Amino acid sequence: MTAPDPLPPVPRARGRAVALPLLILALALLCLGSLGVGRYPLHLGDVFALLGAALGGPAHGRDAMLEQVFWQLRLPRVVAALLVGAALAASGACLQRAFRNPLAAPELLGVSAGAALGAALAIVAGAGVVALQLSAFGGGLMAIALVLALGPLLPARDRLLGLILTGVAVSSLAGALLSALIAMADPRSSLPAISFWMMGSFSAVDPAALGGLAGALALALAPLAFLRWRIDALALGDDEAHAMGVAPHLTRRWVVVLAALATSAAVAVAGVIGWVGLIVPHLARMLVGAAFSRWLAASALLGAVFMLMIDTVCRALGETELPPGVLAALMGAPVLFLLMRRGNR
């Protein structure tokens, strides 16, 4: 008996045609609503007035505190949530297609663990915000470089399996080193900072870091768009891809490196936020189908919607703000269970 396909079913053509415009509309409406939510609420009229003034309209004429909250706190946080959600979800879609594995995620290849280790080293060393983000970014890229260097050395019949096993080993090694750093960290200064960063949050986002995150995301997604038909060929298997004139191993390496670039940049800005790269690509595939160009765009848009929705809920819960990484995990586990049940049917 043939095992059931664990991936969600492909939607009808009519649903695929309207899915992306609906996601864009939902994202725009959610952005407007999210800009007003927080400890210092902003009315929708104030949001429109501030945005209009930035686009050349009449001066807002409000108090300085309102403008400071909007431009220095609220808007950078919303933009960060959009970019981080899009980066993590797009990375998950790339890895699931490259490895032909519905459970592939940025955490699988040690990228998140490497970035977390790099950030923890910077925190223990007393580095500033910019140095912390650069260290996290470098840690993620070093982790994926180690996986790509050691994976082909394993005597596995399946090279994909070799890369996955190496990623699990690198992730475990980075996690062990991170645990050692936590055990030796100063409980009055470094340890709280590491713990808070490990839970993932947008509350301390540096507006200056958003340009680097947007640049890294564009640098990762633009080549993936050009490689879309080669990436689609990977879903058929290596032999079929060879027959179509595609070099599967080289293409897969490029996909993994670009996904790691996007993930490292996201983790460097917001900390470790799991489940987005695993859950959102499945939901996106249910909306637009398996063609990689549509799937990548839908994953990025839906990831941005998902992450911004979670961050908005966290800001609206009360005085004590729940980290978005915690809420993402609380929501991700039941969603994964429902997707597994749907796939089995």
C-alpha atoms as a PDB file:
ATOM      1  CA  MET A   1       0.000   0.000   0.000  1.00  0.00           C
ATOM      2  CA  THR A   2       1.331   3.419  -0.944  1.00  0.00           C
ATOM      3  CA  ALA A   3       1.948   5.806   1.941  1.00  0.00           C
ATOM      4  CA  PRO A   4      -0.159   8.989   1.918  1.00  0.00           C
ATOM      5  CA  ASP A   5       1.432  12.212   0.832  1.00  0.00           C
ATOM      6  CA  PRO A   6       2.209  14.254   3.964  1.00  0.00           C
ATOM      7  CA  LEU A   7       1.989  17.550   2.088  1.00  0.00           C
ATOM      8  CA  PRO A   8      -1.284  19.507   1.910  1.00  0.00           C
ATOM      9  CA  PRO A   9      -3.397  19.079  -1.236  1.00  0.00           C
ATOM     10  CA  VAL A  10      -3.004  21.405  -4.194  1.00  0.00           C
ATOM     11  CA  PRO A  11      -5.809  24.011  -4.467  1.00  0.00           C
ATOM     12  CA  ARG A  12      -7.928  24.708  -7.512  1.00  0.00           C
ATOM     13  CA  ALA A  13      -6.831  27.223 -10.134  1.00  0.00           C
ATOM     14  CA  ARG A  14      -9.493  29.788  -9.153  1.00  0.00           C
ATOM     15  CA  GLY A  15      -8.293  29.815  -5.552  1.00  0.00           C
ATOM     16  CA  ARG A  16      -4.670  30.186  -6.636  1.00  0.00           C
ATOM     17  CA  ALA A  17      -5.502  33.253  -8.737  1.00  0.00           C
ATOM     18  CA  VAL A  18      -6.957  35.247  -5.856  1.00  0.00           C
ATOM     19  CA  ALA A  19      -4.755  33.979  -3.009  1.00  0.00           C
ATOM     20  CA  LEU A  20      -1.814  36.361  -3.504  1.00  0.00           C
ATOM     21  CA  PRO A  21      -3.940  39.552  -3.905  1.00  0.00           C
ATOM     22  CA  LEU A  22      -5.912  38.582  -0.788  1.00  0.00           C
ATOM     23  CA  LEU A  23      -2.696  38.049   1.165  1.00  0.00           C
ATOM     24  CA  ILE A  24      -1.427  41.490   0.086  1.00  0.00           C
ATOM     25  CA  LEU A  25      -4.720  43.100   1.139  1.00  0.00           C
ATOM     26  CA  ALA A  26      -4.706  41.271   4.482  1.00  0.00           C
ATOM     27  CA  LEU A  27      -1.125  42.360   5.089  1.00  0.00           C
ATOM     28  CA  ALA A  28      -1.917  46.027   4.367  1.00  0.00           C
ATOM     29  CA  LEU A  29      -4.944  46.033   6.685  1.00  0.00           C
ATOM     30  CA  LEU A  30      -3.032  44.245   9.421  1.00  0.00           C
ATOM     31  CA  CYS A  31      -0.203  46.775   9.188  1.00  0.00           C
ATOM     32  CA  LEU A  32      -2.610  49.676   9.695  1.00  0.00           C
ATOM     33  CA  GLY A  33      -4.218  47.980  12.665  1.00  0.00           C
ATOM     34  CA  SER A  34      -0.913  46.918  14.212  1.00  0.00           C
ATOM     35  CA  LEU A  35       0.547  50.423  14.075  1.00  0.00           C
ATOM     36  CA  GLY A  36      -2.018  51.541  16.639  1.00  0.00           C
ATOM     37  CA  VAL A  37      -1.648  48.687  19.127  1.00  0.00           C
ATOM     38  CA  GLY A  38       0.632  48.865  22.150  1.00  0.00           C
ATOM     39  CA  ARG A  39       1.124  50.394  25.570  1.00  0.00           C
ATOM     40  CA  TYR A  40       0.677  53.804  23.956  1.00  0.00           C
ATOM     41  CA  PRO A  41      -2.364  53.314  21.677  1.00  0.00           C
ATOM     42  CA  LEU A  42      -2.661  55.333  18.480  1.00  0.00           C
ATOM     43  CA  HIS A  43      -5.951  56.081  16.764  1.00  0.00           C
ATOM     44  CA  LEU A  44      -6.297  55.116  13.120  1.00  0.00           C
ATOM     45  CA  GLY A  45      -6.684  58.798  12.208  1.00  0.00           C
ATOM     46  CA  ASP A  46      -3.340  59.565  13.834  1.00  0.00           C
ATOM     47  CA  VAL A  47      -1.705  56.740  11.894  1.00  0.00           C
ATOM     48  CA  PHE A  48      -3.055  58.036   8.577  1.00  0.00           C
ATOM     49  CA  ALA A  49      -2.032  61.611   9.445  1.00  0.00           C
ATOM     50  CA  LEU A  50       1.527  60.616  10.328  1.00  0.00           C
ATOM     51  CA  LEU A  51       1.903  58.505   7.208  1.00  0.00           C
ATOM     52  CA  GLY A  52       0.420  61.267   5.068  1.00  0.00           C
ATOM     53  CA  ALA A  53       2.827  63.821   6.521  1.00  0.00           C
ATOM     54  CA  ALA A  54       5.745  61.547   5.631  1.00  0.00           C
ATOM     55  CA  LEU A  55       4.470  61.356   2.029  1.00  0.00           C
ATOM     56  CA  GLY A  56       4.370  65.130   1.652  1.00  0.00           C
ATOM     57  CA  GLY A  57       0.967  65.895   3.128  1.00  0.00           C
ATOM     58  CA  PRO A  58       0.173  68.544   5.736  1.00  0.00           C
ATOM     59  CA  ALA A  59       2.103  68.456   9.009  1.00  0.00           C
ATOM     60  CA  HIS A  60       0.538  66.255  11.632  1.00  0.00           C
ATOM     61  CA  GLY A  61       0.515  68.892  14.337  1.00  0.00           C
ATOM     62  CA  ARG A  62       0.390  66.419  17.232  1.00  0.00           C
ATOM     63  CA  ASP A  63       2.515  66.186  20.353  1.00  0.00           C
ATOM     64  CA  ALA A  64       6.123  65.081  20.105  1.00  0.00           C
ATOM     65  CA  MET A  65       5.532  61.994  22.230  1.00  0.00           C
ATOM     66  CA  LEU A  66       3.044  60.560  19.728  1.00  0.00           C
ATOM     67  CA  GLU A  67       5.387  61.103  16.795  1.00  0.00           C
ATOM     68  CA  GLN A  68       8.318  59.606  18.691  1.00  0.00           C
ATOM     69  CA  VAL A  69       6.325  56.479  19.551  1.00  0.00           C
ATOM     70  CA  PHE A  70       5.213  56.071  15.948  1.00  0.00           C
ATOM     71  CA  TRP A  71       8.494  56.694  14.111  1.00  0.00           C
ATOM     72  CA  GLN A  72      11.042  55.318  16.575  1.00  0.00           C
ATOM     73  CA  LEU A  73       9.167  52.434  18.220  1.00  0.00           C
ATOM     74  CA  ARG A  74       5.974  51.306  16.508  1.00  0.00           C
ATOM     75  CA  LEU A  75       6.834  51.545  12.795  1.00  0.00           C
ATOM     76  CA  PRO A  76      10.303  49.921  13.098  1.00  0.00           C
ATOM     77  CA  ARG A  77       8.769  47.087  15.109  1.00  0.00           C
ATOM     78  CA  VAL A  78       6.058  46.464  12.512  1.00  0.00           C
ATOM     79  CA  VAL A  79       8.586  46.516   9.676  1.00  0.00           C
ATOM     80  CA  ALA A  80      10.865  44.138  11.593  1.00  0.00           C
ATOM     81  CA  ALA A  81       8.022  41.673  12.175  1.00  0.00           C
ATOM     82  CA  LEU A  82       7.131  41.761   8.461  1.00  0.00           C
ATOM     83  CA  LEU A  83      10.690  41.162   7.296  1.00  0.00           C
ATOM     84  CA  VAL A  84      11.490  38.468   9.869  1.00  0.00           C
ATOM     85  CA  GLY A  85       8.274  36.553   9.158  1.00  0.00           C
ATOM     86  CA  ALA A  86       8.858  36.726   5.404  1.00  0.00           C
ATOM     87  CA  ALA A  87      12.503  35.624   5.749  1.00  0.00           C
ATOM     88  CA  LEU A  88      11.766  32.632   7.987  1.00  0.00           C
ATOM     89  CA  ALA A  89       8.784  31.405   5.964  1.00  0.00           C
ATOM     90  CA  ALA A  90      10.544  31.804   2.610  1.00  0.00           C
ATOM     91  CA  SER A  91      13.573  29.946   3.993  1.00  0.00           C
ATOM     92  CA  GLY A  92      11.335  27.104   5.140  1.00  0.00           C
ATOM     93  CA  ALA A  93       9.729  26.795   1.709  1.00  0.00           C
ATOM     94  CA  CYS A  94      13.151  26.706   0.045  1.00  0.00           C
ATOM     95  CA  LEU A  95      14.462  23.989   2.337  1.00  0.00           C
ATOM     96  CA  GLN A  96      11.319  21.872   2.056  1.00  0.00           C
ATOM     97  CA  ARG A  97      11.606  21.944  -1.725  1.00  0.00           C
ATOM     98  CA  ALA A  98      15.385  21.444  -1.797  1.00  0.00           C
ATOM     99  CA  PHE A  99      15.297  18.417   0.524  1.00  0.00           C
ATOM    100  CA  ARG A 100      11.915  17.105  -0.628  1.00  0.00           C
ATOM    101  CA  ASN A 101      11.039  16.881   3.049  1.00  0.00           C
ATOM    102  CA  PRO A 102       7.856  18.435   4.513  1.00  0.00           C
ATOM    103  CA  LEU A 103       9.541  18.698   7.932  1.00  0.00           C
ATOM    104  CA  ALA A 104      12.546  20.699   6.716  1.00  0.00           C
ATOM    105  CA  ALA A 105      12.947  24.061   8.433  1.00  0.00           C
ATOM    106  CA  PRO A 106      15.742  26.578   9.134  1.00  0.00           C
ATOM    107  CA  GLU A 107      16.324  24.837  12.472  1.00  0.00           C
ATOM    108  CA  LEU A 108      17.070  21.580  10.647  1.00  0.00           C
ATOM    109  CA  LEU A 109      20.465  22.649   9.273  1.00  0.00           C
ATOM    110  CA  GLY A 110      21.720  24.356  12.412  1.00  0.00           C
ATOM    111  CA  VAL A 111      21.309  27.909  11.087  1.00  0.00           C
ATOM    112  CA  SER A 112      19.184  29.106  14.017  1.00  0.00           C
ATOM    113  CA  ALA A 113      21.395  27.365  16.574  1.00  0.00           C
ATOM    114  CA  GLY A 114      24.549  28.832  15.025  1.00  0.00           C
ATOM    115  CA  ALA A 115      23.074  32.324  15.037  1.00  0.00           C
ATOM    116  CA  ALA A 116      21.981  31.893  18.660  1.00  0.00           C
ATOM    117  CA  LEU A 117      25.492  30.820  19.629  1.00  0.00           C
ATOM    118  CA  GLY A 118      27.013  33.819  17.869  1.00  0.00           C
ATOM    119  CA  ALA A 119      24.646  36.200  19.643  1.00  0.00           C
ATOM    120  CA  ALA A 120      25.332  34.600  23.024  1.00  0.00           C
ATOM    121  CA  LEU A 121      29.088  35.002  22.520  1.00  0.00           C
ATOM    122  CA  ALA A 122      28.568  38.699  21.772  1.00  0.00           C
ATOM    123  CA  ILE A 123      26.388  39.147  24.862  1.00  0.00           C
ATOM    124  CA  VAL A 124      28.928  37.463  27.143  1.00  0.00           C
ATOM    125  CA  ALA A 125      31.686  39.634  25.646  1.00  0.00           C
ATOM    126  CA  GLY A 126      29.646  42.751  26.408  1.00  0.00           C
ATOM    127  CA  ALA A 127      29.352  43.797  22.758  1.00  0.00           C
ATOM    128  CA  GLY A 128      26.888  46.388  21.539  1.00  0.00           C
ATOM    129  CA  VAL A 129      23.718  45.872  19.519  1.00  0.00           C
ATOM    130  CA  VAL A 130      25.378  46.118  16.113  1.00  0.00           C
ATOM    131  CA  ALA A 131      28.176  43.725  17.100  1.00  0.00           C
ATOM    132  CA  LEU A 132      25.601  41.302  18.511  1.00  0.00           C
ATOM    133  CA  GLN A 133      23.678  41.253  15.248  1.00  0.00           C
ATOM    134  CA  LEU A 134      26.838  40.797  13.195  1.00  0.00           C
ATOM    135  CA  SER A 135      27.964  37.976  15.472  1.00  0.00           C
ATOM    136  CA  ALA A 136      24.602  36.218  15.179  1.00  0.00           C
ATOM    137  CA  PHE A 137      24.650  36.641  11.413  1.00  0.00           C
ATOM    138  CA  GLY A 138      28.157  35.230  11.193  1.00  0.00           C
ATOM    139  CA  GLY A 139      27.278  32.320  13.478  1.00  0.00           C
ATOM    140  CA  GLY A 140      24.414  31.253  11.248  1.00  0.00           C
ATOM    141  CA  LEU A 141      26.510  31.418   8.098  1.00  0.00           C
ATOM    142  CA  MET A 142      29.361  29.503   9.751  1.00  0.00           C
ATOM    143  CA  ALA A 143      26.940  26.777  10.785  1.00  0.00           C
ATOM    144  CA  ILE A 144      25.654  26.273   7.246  1.00  0.00           C
ATOM    145  CA  ALA A 145      29.215  26.396   5.870  1.00  0.00           C
ATOM    146  CA  LEU A 146      30.139  23.600   8.271  1.00  0.00           C
ATOM    147  CA  VAL A 147      27.143  21.548   7.182  1.00  0.00           C
ATOM    148  CA  LEU A 148      27.956  21.951   3.489  1.00  0.00           C
ATOM    149  CA  ALA A 149      31.609  21.053   4.099  1.00  0.00           C
ATOM    150  CA  LEU A 150      31.009  17.964   6.264  1.00  0.00           C
ATOM    151  CA  GLY A 151      27.780  16.640   4.756  1.00  0.00           C
ATOM    152  CA  PRO A 152      29.304  15.148   1.581  1.00  0.00           C
ATOM    153  CA  LEU A 153      31.937  13.344   3.692  1.00  0.00           C
ATOM    154  CA  LEU A 154      29.365  11.057   5.324  1.00  0.00           C
ATOM    155  CA  PRO A 155      29.174   7.560   3.753  1.00  0.00           C
ATOM    156  CA  ALA A 156      25.438   7.870   3.175  1.00  0.00           C
ATOM    157  CA  ARG A 157      23.805   6.517   0.025  1.00  0.00           C
ATOM    158  CA  ASP A 158      21.522   9.539  -0.097  1.00  0.00           C
ATOM    159  CA  ARG A 159      23.394  12.868  -0.140  1.00  0.00           C
ATOM    160  CA  LEU A 160      20.265  14.619   1.104  1.00  0.00           C
ATOM    161  CA  LEU A 161      20.242  12.380   4.150  1.00  0.00           C
ATOM    162  CA  GLY A 162      23.921  13.168   4.721  1.00  0.00           C
ATOM    163  CA  LEU A 163      23.249  16.916   4.747  1.00  0.00           C
ATOM    164  CA  ILE A 164      20.272  16.535   7.090  1.00  0.00           C
ATOM    165  CA  LEU A 165      22.209  14.348   9.528  1.00  0.00           C
ATOM    166  CA  THR A 166      25.112  16.800   9.475  1.00  0.00           C
ATOM    167  CA  GLY A 167      22.705  19.664  10.131  1.00  0.00           C
ATOM    168  CA  VAL A 168      21.260  17.855  13.136  1.00  0.00           C
ATOM    169  CA  ALA A 169      24.789  17.225  14.470  1.00  0.00           C
ATOM    170  CA  VAL A 170      25.879  20.853  13.958  1.00  0.00           C
ATOM    171  CA  SER A 171      22.688  22.095  15.597  1.00  0.00           C
ATOM    172  CA  SER A 172      23.275  19.803  18.568  1.00  0.00           C
ATOM    173  CA  LEU A 173      26.887  20.962  18.877  1.00  0.00           C
ATOM    174  CA  ALA A 174      25.894  24.630  18.761  1.00  0.00           C
ATOM    175  CA  GLY A 175      23.177  23.961  21.341  1.00  0.00           C
ATOM    176  CA  ALA A 176      25.677  22.286  23.664  1.00  0.00           C
ATOM    177  CA  LEU A 177      28.105  25.204  23.374  1.00  0.00           C
ATOM    178  CA  LEU A 178      25.234  27.608  24.003  1.00  0.00           C
ATOM    179  CA  SER A 179      24.245  25.695  27.140  1.00  0.00           C
ATOM    180  CA  ALA A 180      27.851  25.899  28.361  1.00  0.00           C
ATOM    181  CA  LEU A 181      27.830  29.669  27.814  1.00  0.00           C
ATOM    182  CA  ILE A 182      24.564  29.999  29.725  1.00  0.00           C
ATOM    183  CA  ALA A 183      26.001  27.987  32.614  1.00  0.00           C
ATOM    184  CA  MET A 184      29.046  30.263  32.804  1.00  0.00           C
ATOM    185  CA  ALA A 185      27.249  33.564  32.137  1.00  0.00           C
ATOM    186  CA  ASP A 186      26.901  36.229  34.787  1.00  0.00           C
ATOM    187  CA  PRO A 187      23.420  35.692  36.323  1.00  0.00           C
ATOM    188  CA  ARG A 188      22.996  39.436  36.914  1.00  0.00           C
ATOM    189  CA  SER A 189      23.835  40.733  33.450  1.00  0.00           C
ATOM    190  CA  SER A 190      24.601  38.281  30.635  1.00  0.00           C
ATOM    191  CA  LEU A 191      22.228  35.464  31.595  1.00  0.00           C
ATOM    192  CA  PRO A 192      18.989  37.539  31.497  1.00  0.00           C
ATOM    193  CA  ALA A 193      20.034  39.064  28.161  1.00  0.00           C
ATOM    194  CA  ILE A 194      20.759  35.652  26.629  1.00  0.00           C
ATOM    195  CA  SER A 195      17.488  34.193  27.934  1.00  0.00           C
ATOM    196  CA  PHE A 196      15.445  37.124  26.616  1.00  0.00           C
ATOM    197  CA  TRP A 197      17.144  36.965  23.220  1.00  0.00           C
ATOM    198  CA  MET A 198      16.602  33.197  22.976  1.00  0.00           C
ATOM    199  CA  MET A 199      12.829  33.683  23.347  1.00  0.00           C
ATOM    200  CA  GLY A 200      12.704  36.016  20.342  1.00  0.00           C
ATOM    201  CA  SER A 201      11.350  39.537  20.545  1.00  0.00           C
ATOM    202  CA  PHE A 202      10.887  42.755  18.561  1.00  0.00           C
ATOM    203  CA  SER A 203      10.766  45.053  21.570  1.00  0.00           C
ATOM    204  CA  ALA A 204      14.427  46.100  21.261  1.00  0.00           C
ATOM    205  CA  VAL A 205      14.671  46.305  17.465  1.00  0.00           C
ATOM    206  CA  ASP A 206      17.237  48.816  16.267  1.00  0.00           C
ATOM    207  CA  PRO A 207      15.803  50.822  13.339  1.00  0.00           C
ATOM    208  CA  ALA A 208      19.308  51.004  11.851  1.00  0.00           C
ATOM    209  CA  ALA A 209      19.358  47.197  11.514  1.00  0.00           C
ATOM    210  CA  LEU A 210      16.256  47.074   9.313  1.00  0.00           C
ATOM    211  CA  GLY A 211      18.149  48.187   6.225  1.00  0.00           C
ATOM    212  CA  GLY A 212      20.578  45.310   6.583  1.00  0.00           C
ATOM    213  CA  LEU A 213      17.736  42.841   7.120  1.00  0.00           C
ATOM    214  CA  ALA A 214      15.849  44.108   4.070  1.00  0.00           C
ATOM    215  CA  GLY A 215      19.032  43.954   1.985  1.00  0.00           C
ATOM    216  CA  ALA A 216      19.813  40.393   3.078  1.00  0.00           C
ATOM    217  CA  LEU A 217      16.245  39.312   2.330  1.00  0.00           C
ATOM    218  CA  ALA A 218      16.343  40.863  -1.140  1.00  0.00           C
ATOM    219  CA  LEU A 219      19.770  39.342  -1.797  1.00  0.00           C
ATOM    220  CA  ALA A 220      18.364  35.914  -0.899  1.00  0.00           C
ATOM    221  CA  LEU A 221      14.989  36.071  -2.653  1.00  0.00           C
ATOM    222  CA  ALA A 222      16.073  37.630  -5.961  1.00  0.00           C
ATOM    223  CA  PRO A 223      18.339  34.711  -7.042  1.00  0.00           C
ATOM    224  CA  LEU A 224      15.712  32.218  -5.869  1.00  0.00           C
ATOM    225  CA  ALA A 225      13.195  33.826  -8.216  1.00  0.00           C
ATOM    226  CA  PHE A 226      15.618  33.399 -11.142  1.00  0.00           C
ATOM    227  CA  LEU A 227      16.267  29.764 -10.161  1.00  0.00           C
ATOM    228  CA  ARG A 228      12.575  28.914  -9.808  1.00  0.00           C
ATOM    229  CA  TRP A 229      12.315  26.390 -12.653  1.00  0.00           C
ATOM    230  CA  ARG A 230      15.489  24.626 -11.527  1.00  0.00           C
ATOM    231  CA  ILE A 231      14.141  24.475  -7.981  1.00  0.00           C
ATOM    232  CA  ASP A 232      10.867  23.065  -9.309  1.00  0.00           C
ATOM    233  CA  ALA A 233      12.907  20.333 -11.018  1.00  0.00           C
ATOM    234  CA  LEU A 234      14.333  19.273  -7.634  1.00  0.00           C
ATOM    235  CA  ALA A 235      10.869  18.087  -6.606  1.00  0.00           C
ATOM    236  CA  LEU A 236      11.008  15.407  -9.331  1.00  0.00           C
ATOM    237  CA  GLY A 237      14.166  13.794  -7.977  1.00  0.00           C
ATOM    238  CA  ASP A 238      17.833  14.073  -8.906  1.00  0.00           C
ATOM    239  CA  ASP A 239      17.682  11.723 -11.902  1.00  0.00           C
ATOM    240  CA  GLU A 240      14.760  13.584 -13.459  1.00  0.00           C
ATOM    241  CA  ALA A 241      16.448  16.930 -12.746  1.00  0.00           C
ATOM    242  CA  HIS A 242      19.594  15.715 -14.522  1.00  0.00           C
ATOM    243  CA  ALA A 243      17.478  14.712 -17.504  1.00  0.00           C
ATOM    244  CA  MET A 244      16.065  18.250 -17.634  1.00  0.00           C
ATOM    245  CA  GLY A 245      19.551  19.761 -17.710  1.00  0.00           C
ATOM    246  CA  VAL A 246      19.616  20.822 -14.054  1.00  0.00           C
ATOM    247  CA  ALA A 247      22.577  20.161 -11.754  1.00  0.00           C
ATOM    248  CA  PRO A 248      20.665  19.120  -8.599  1.00  0.00           C
ATOM    249  CA  HIS A 249      23.560  19.182  -6.133  1.00  0.00           C
ATOM    250  CA  LEU A 250      24.763  22.623  -7.198  1.00  0.00           C
ATOM    251  CA  THR A 251      21.224  24.020  -7.273  1.00  0.00           C
ATOM    252  CA  ARG A 252      20.497  22.567  -3.848  1.00  0.00           C
ATOM    253  CA  ARG A 253      23.632  24.138  -2.400  1.00  0.00           C
ATOM    254  CA  TRP A 254      22.638  27.540  -3.721  1.00  0.00           C
ATOM    255  CA  VAL A 255      19.138  27.172  -2.265  1.00  0.00           C
ATOM    256  CA  VAL A 256      20.505  26.150   1.130  1.00  0.00           C
ATOM    257  CA  VAL A 257      23.022  29.021   1.216  1.00  0.00           C
ATOM    258  CA  LEU A 258      20.416  31.631   0.244  1.00  0.00           C
ATOM    259  CA  ALA A 259      17.917  30.273   2.786  1.00  0.00           C
ATOM    260  CA  ALA A 260      20.625  30.371   5.452  1.00  0.00           C
ATOM    261  CA  LEU A 261      21.402  33.987   4.534  1.00  0.00           C
ATOM    262  CA  ALA A 262      17.776  35.035   5.047  1.00  0.00           C
ATOM    263  CA  THR A 263      17.421  33.046   8.275  1.00  0.00           C
ATOM    264  CA  SER A 264      20.669  34.355   9.785  1.00  0.00           C
ATOM    265  CA  ALA A 265      19.654  37.944   9.081  1.00  0.00           C
ATOM    266  CA  ALA A 266      16.248  37.374  10.699  1.00  0.00           C
ATOM    267  CA  VAL A 267      17.679  35.699  13.790  1.00  0.00           C
ATOM    268  CA  ALA A 268      20.300  38.432  14.134  1.00  0.00           C
ATOM    269  CA  VAL A 269      17.581  41.088  14.419  1.00  0.00           C
ATOM    270  CA  ALA A 270      14.816  39.353  16.398  1.00  0.00           C
ATOM    271  CA  GLY A 271      16.390  36.390  18.165  1.00  0.00           C
ATOM    272  CA  VAL A 272      15.305  32.776  17.861  1.00  0.00           C
ATOM    273  CA  ILE A 273      11.690  32.392  16.647  1.00  0.00           C
ATOM    274  CA  GLY A 274      10.765  28.862  15.703  1.00  0.00           C
ATOM    275  CA  TRP A 275       7.891  27.160  13.880  1.00  0.00           C
ATOM    276  CA  VAL A 276       7.382  29.911  11.293  1.00  0.00           C
ATOM    277  CA  GLY A 277       9.644  28.244   8.739  1.00  0.00           C
ATOM    278  CA  LEU A 278       7.976  24.881   9.334  1.00  0.00           C
ATOM    279  CA  ILE A 279       4.261  25.716   9.505  1.00  0.00           C
ATOM    280  CA  VAL A 280       3.756  28.674   7.164  1.00  0.00           C
ATOM    281  CA  PRO A 281       5.057  27.003   3.946  1.00  0.00           C
ATOM    282  CA  HIS A 282       2.512  24.217   4.378  1.00  0.00           C
ATOM    283  CA  LEU A 283      -0.316  26.741   4.736  1.00  0.00           C
ATOM    284  CA  ALA A 284       0.990  28.668   1.711  1.00  0.00           C
ATOM    285  CA  ARG A 285       1.065  25.523  -0.404  1.00  0.00           C
ATOM    286  CA  MET A 286      -2.555  24.870   0.471  1.00  0.00           C
ATOM    287  CA  LEU A 287      -3.402  28.326  -0.885  1.00  0.00           C
ATOM    288  CA  VAL A 288      -1.377  28.563  -4.110  1.00  0.00           C
ATOM    289  CA  GLY A 289      -0.135  25.087  -4.997  1.00  0.00           C
ATOM    290  CA  ALA A 290       3.334  23.617  -5.407  1.00  0.00           C
ATOM    291  CA  ALA A 291       4.779  25.767  -8.242  1.00  0.00           C
ATOM    292  CA  PHE A 292       7.818  27.311  -6.570  1.00  0.00           C
ATOM    293  CA  SER A 293       7.407  30.896  -7.807  1.00  0.00           C
ATOM    294  CA  ARG A 294       3.882  31.175  -6.365  1.00  0.00           C
ATOM    295  CA  TRP A 295       4.768  29.102  -3.319  1.00  0.00           C
ATOM    296  CA  LEU A 296       7.762  31.314  -2.446  1.00  0.00           C
ATOM    297  CA  ALA A 297       5.748  34.537  -2.808  1.00  0.00           C
ATOM    298  CA  ALA A 298       2.825  33.164  -0.800  1.00  0.00           C
ATOM    299  CA  SER A 299       5.147  31.854   1.923  1.00  0.00           C
ATOM    300  CA  ALA A 300       6.820  35.244   2.295  1.00  0.00           C
ATOM    301  CA  LEU A 301       3.504  37.114   2.415  1.00  0.00           C
ATOM    302  CA  LEU A 302       1.844  34.645   4.745  1.00  0.00           C
ATOM    303  CA  GLY A 303       4.933  34.571   6.966  1.00  0.00           C
ATOM    304  CA  ALA A 304       4.791  38.353   7.259  1.00  0.00           C
ATOM    305  CA  VAL A 305       1.076  38.206   8.117  1.00  0.00           C
ATOM    306  CA  PHE A 306       1.607  35.417  10.643  1.00  0.00           C
ATOM    307  CA  MET A 307       4.548  37.103  12.398  1.00  0.00           C
ATOM    308  CA  LEU A 308       2.909  40.534  12.524  1.00  0.00           C
ATOM    309  CA  MET A 309      -0.320  39.023  13.858  1.00  0.00           C
ATOM    310  CA  ILE A 310       1.588  37.249  16.637  1.00  0.00           C
ATOM    311  CA  ASP A 311       3.550  40.370  17.569  1.00  0.00           C
ATOM    312  CA  THR A 312       0.360  42.466  17.609  1.00  0.00           C
ATOM    313  CA  VAL A 313      -1.333  39.977  19.932  1.00  0.00           C
ATOM    314  CA  CYS A 314       1.718  40.005  22.209  1.00  0.00           C
ATOM    315  CA  ARG A 315       1.578  43.809  22.441  1.00  0.00           C
ATOM    316  CA  ALA A 316      -2.153  43.770  23.144  1.00  0.00           C
ATOM    317  CA  LEU A 317      -2.109  41.176  25.958  1.00  0.00           C
ATOM    318  CA  GLY A 318      -1.289  43.580  28.782  1.00  0.00           C
ATOM    319  CA  GLU A 319       1.496  45.260  30.695  1.00  0.00           C
ATOM    320  CA  THR A 320       3.697  42.151  30.726  1.00  0.00           C
ATOM    321  CA  GLU A 321       4.467  41.456  27.084  1.00  0.00           C
ATOM    322  CA  LEU A 322       4.690  37.821  25.997  1.00  0.00           C
ATOM    323  CA  PRO A 323       7.689  37.220  23.666  1.00  0.00           C
ATOM    324  CA  PRO A 324       6.555  36.472  20.083  1.00  0.00           C
ATOM    325  CA  GLY A 325       8.779  33.394  19.961  1.00  0.00           C
ATOM    326  CA  VAL A 326       6.813  31.847  22.828  1.00  0.00           C
ATOM    327  CA  LEU A 327       3.427  32.571  21.256  1.00  0.00           C
ATOM    328  CA  ALA A 328       4.627  31.262  17.869  1.00  0.00           C
ATOM    329  CA  ALA A 329       5.535  27.956  19.513  1.00  0.00           C
ATOM    330  CA  LEU A 330       2.202  27.806  21.356  1.00  0.00           C
ATOM    331  CA  MET A 331       0.344  28.287  18.076  1.00  0.00           C
ATOM    332  CA  GLY A 332       2.686  26.225  15.910  1.00  0.00           C
ATOM    333  CA  ALA A 333       2.318  22.897  17.724  1.00  0.00           C
ATOM    334  CA  PRO A 334      -1.478  22.534  17.308  1.00  0.00           C
ATOM    335  CA  VAL A 335      -1.343  23.832  13.723  1.00  0.00           C
ATOM    336  CA  LEU A 336       1.255  21.189  12.857  1.00  0.00           C
ATOM    337  CA  PHE A 337      -0.955  18.510  14.389  1.00  0.00           C
ATOM    338  CA  LEU A 338      -3.940  19.654  12.314  1.00  0.00           C
ATOM    339  CA  LEU A 339      -1.840  19.679   9.134  1.00  0.00           C
ATOM    340  CA  MET A 340      -0.635  16.152   9.824  1.00  0.00           C
ATOM    341  CA  ARG A 341      -4.204  14.947  10.259  1.00  0.00           C
ATOM    342  CA  ARG A 342      -5.261  16.685   7.048  1.00  0.00           C
ATOM    343  CA  GLY A 343      -2.323  15.152   5.163  1.00  0.00           C
ATOM    344  CA  ASN A 344      -3.179  11.652   6.365  1.00  0.00           C
ATOM    345  CA  ARG A 345      -6.745  12.039   5.108  1.00  0.00           C
END
